[in-house]
Every structure is written in structure tokens, then in C-alpha cells.
Amino acid sequence: MNPLPTFRLLAVRIALVVALLAALITHPLFGRAATVGLLMGALAGIIVFWVTARQLEKLAIHSDNAVYSVPVKWRIAGAAVYLAVLVRGYTLDREGLVGLFATGAGLFVIRLAVVLLGLTGLDLPKEEDH
């Protein structure tokens, strides 16, 4: 199997599990605003990661030696999603800002998942014993 889709799928699965576990811990400690913000930020981060990873997979298919990158429109769209989610997180708790901070933390869940995946190597092909 192609390693790029495997990496993308495993990163998203790990991020979803981490987000749900974090939400279960966050709700009794910090309340509803923090939980909603965390899940909202995590979902936004996962969606932006998914779109970016798909675009990078398409770029990796090119066989010539030209230099490619993710188009600017996708980077701007990702930043707009982050901004929209952070603004919504701010509206969850305007006085304590718990929703804003939880939303910001949620945006980093996918990055934590990628680091965990890199440390464990779960996406790497299994070596057969010879």
C-alpha cells in the first residue's frame, strides 16, 4: 500500500481518539465550553490536515523534477478555517476565554497525533522475518 495514504489515515484516526479522550477528561475539569472548543478545534485541525495531505499526495505523484507545493488557495483556506474556529471558540466563553484556549489546544491535536505516529512508526511497512 502507498505510504502516504496510510500515514494520513492513521494520523487522522489517532487524532480522533486523542481528541475524544481529551474531551472526556476536559468536560468534568473545565466544563462544556472547553469541551466544545477542544472538539471543534480538533475537528478543524483534522479537516485542514486531511485536505493538505491529499494535496501533497497529488503533488507526490508528479514524476518530473519540477518543484511543487500546496497551492496558496489551500493554505489561505486552511488559515480561514483556523480563524473561524478560533473566533467561534472565543464566543463560547468571552470572559474566561476557556473556549478560546481549548479551541487553540484542539488545533494541535493532529500535530500531536503526527508526532506520536512518527515516534511509534505504526505507518511503516512491517519487515518480514528472513
Protein backbone atom coordinates (compact mmCIF):
# COMPACT_ATOMS: atom_id res chain seq x y z
CA MET A 1 0.00 0.00 0.00
CA ASN A 2 1.13 3.53 -0.69
CA PRO A 3 2.73 5.02 2.47
CA LEU A 4 1.18 8.49 2.11
CA PRO A 5 -2.49 7.44 2.39
CA THR A 6 -1.54 5.06 5.21
CA PHE A 7 0.15 7.90 7.08
CA ARG A 8 -2.81 10.22 6.52
CA LEU A 9 -5.41 7.69 7.66
CA LEU A 10 -3.51 6.63 10.75
CA ALA A 11 -2.78 10.24 11.74
CA VAL A 12 -6.48 11.10 11.50
CA ARG A 13 -7.52 8.00 13.45
CA ILE A 14 -5.02 8.72 16.22
CA ALA A 15 -6.09 12.38 16.32
CA LEU A 16 -9.76 11.41 16.66
CA VAL A 17 -9.02 9.03 19.53
CA VAL A 18 -6.81 11.60 21.29
CA ALA A 19 -9.47 14.30 20.83
CA LEU A 20 -12.21 12.11 22.28
CA LEU A 21 -10.07 11.09 25.25
CA ALA A 22 -9.09 14.71 25.87
CA ALA A 23 -12.75 15.74 25.70
CA LEU A 24 -13.70 13.09 28.26
CA ILE A 25 -11.02 14.45 30.60
CA THR A 26 -11.75 18.12 29.86
CA HIS A 27 -15.51 18.07 30.44
CA PRO A 28 -15.51 17.36 34.19
CA LEU A 29 -12.50 19.61 34.81
CA PHE A 30 -13.29 22.69 32.73
CA GLY A 31 -16.91 22.39 31.60
CA ARG A 32 -18.91 22.44 28.42
CA ALA A 33 -17.26 25.47 26.76
CA ALA A 34 -13.82 23.89 26.99
CA THR A 35 -15.06 20.54 25.73
CA VAL A 36 -16.88 22.04 22.75
CA GLY A 37 -13.90 24.25 21.95
CA LEU A 38 -11.48 21.34 22.14
CA LEU A 39 -13.57 19.13 19.87
CA MET A 40 -14.26 21.97 17.45
CA GLY A 41 -10.56 22.84 17.21
CA ALA A 42 -9.56 19.20 16.82
CA LEU A 43 -12.09 18.65 14.04
CA ALA A 44 -10.94 21.79 12.21
CA GLY A 45 -7.30 20.75 12.53
CA ILE A 46 -8.08 17.28 11.24
CA ILE A 47 -10.01 18.62 8.25
CA VAL A 48 -7.24 21.05 7.29
CA PHE A 49 -4.65 18.28 7.72
CA TRP A 50 -6.73 15.93 5.55
CA VAL A 51 -7.04 18.44 2.72
CA THR A 52 -3.36 19.38 2.90
CA ALA A 53 -2.25 15.74 2.98
CA ARG A 54 -4.44 14.92 -0.03
CA GLN A 55 -2.93 17.83 -1.95
CA LEU A 56 0.57 16.66 -1.05
CA GLU A 57 -0.27 13.14 -2.22
CA LYS A 58 -1.32 14.54 -5.58
CA LEU A 59 1.94 16.50 -5.79
CA ALA A 60 3.98 13.41 -4.91
CA ILE A 61 2.56 11.60 -7.95
CA HIS A 62 4.28 14.01 -10.36
CA SER A 63 7.23 12.21 -11.90
CA ASP A 64 9.22 15.12 -13.31
CA ASN A 65 11.81 17.01 -11.29
CA ALA A 66 9.88 20.26 -11.00
CA VAL A 67 9.33 21.75 -7.56
CA TYR A 68 5.73 21.78 -6.41
CA SER A 69 4.00 22.92 -3.24
CA VAL A 70 0.48 23.11 -1.91
CA PRO A 71 -1.32 25.90 -3.77
CA VAL A 72 -1.70 29.18 -1.94
CA LYS A 73 -5.50 28.95 -2.09
CA TRP A 74 -5.44 25.82 0.10
CA ARG A 75 -3.12 27.44 2.63
CA ILE A 76 -5.38 30.51 2.78
CA ALA A 77 -8.45 28.29 3.12
CA GLY A 78 -6.80 26.42 6.00
CA ALA A 79 -5.93 29.68 7.74
CA ALA A 80 -9.52 30.87 7.25
CA VAL A 81 -10.85 27.68 8.85
CA TYR A 82 -8.49 28.16 11.80
CA LEU A 83 -9.57 31.79 12.17
CA ALA A 84 -13.27 30.93 12.01
CA VAL A 85 -12.91 28.20 14.61
CA LEU A 86 -10.89 30.43 16.93
CA VAL A 87 -13.48 33.20 16.66
CA ARG A 88 -16.24 30.71 17.44
CA GLY A 89 -14.19 29.39 20.36
CA TYR A 90 -13.92 32.92 21.70
CA THR A 91 -17.70 33.26 21.66
CA LEU A 92 -18.10 30.13 23.83
CA ASP A 93 -16.74 31.93 26.90
CA ARG A 94 -15.94 35.61 26.40
CA GLU A 95 -15.00 36.33 30.00
CA GLY A 96 -12.84 33.37 30.98
CA LEU A 97 -11.57 32.61 27.46
CA VAL A 98 -11.66 28.91 28.30
CA GLY A 99 -13.33 28.14 24.97
CA LEU A 100 -10.68 30.06 23.02
CA PHE A 101 -7.77 28.32 24.74
CA ALA A 102 -9.42 24.92 24.39
CA THR A 103 -10.04 25.57 20.70
CA GLY A 104 -6.40 26.52 20.25
CA ALA A 105 -5.35 23.34 22.04
CA GLY A 106 -7.71 21.34 19.83
CA LEU A 107 -5.99 22.67 16.72
CA PHE A 108 -2.79 20.99 17.91
CA VAL A 109 -4.30 17.54 18.41
CA ILE A 110 -3.48 16.49 14.84
CA ARG A 111 0.11 17.63 15.31
CA LEU A 112 0.35 15.54 18.47
CA ALA A 113 -1.02 12.58 16.52
CA VAL A 114 1.58 13.06 13.78
CA VAL A 115 4.37 13.18 16.38
CA LEU A 116 3.04 10.02 18.05
CA LEU A 117 2.86 8.33 14.68
CA GLY A 118 6.42 9.39 13.89
CA LEU A 119 7.73 8.12 17.22
CA THR A 120 5.96 4.77 17.05
CA GLY A 121 6.37 4.10 13.33
CA LEU A 122 2.94 2.48 13.07
CA ASP A 123 2.58 3.65 9.48
CA LEU A 124 5.78 1.98 8.31
CA PRO A 125 5.58 -1.29 6.40
CA LYS A 126 6.27 -4.36 8.52
CA GLU A 127 9.57 -6.08 7.89
CA GLU A 128 9.23 -9.77 7.23
CA ASP A 129 11.44 -12.14 9.14
CA HIS A 130 14.01 -13.84 6.93
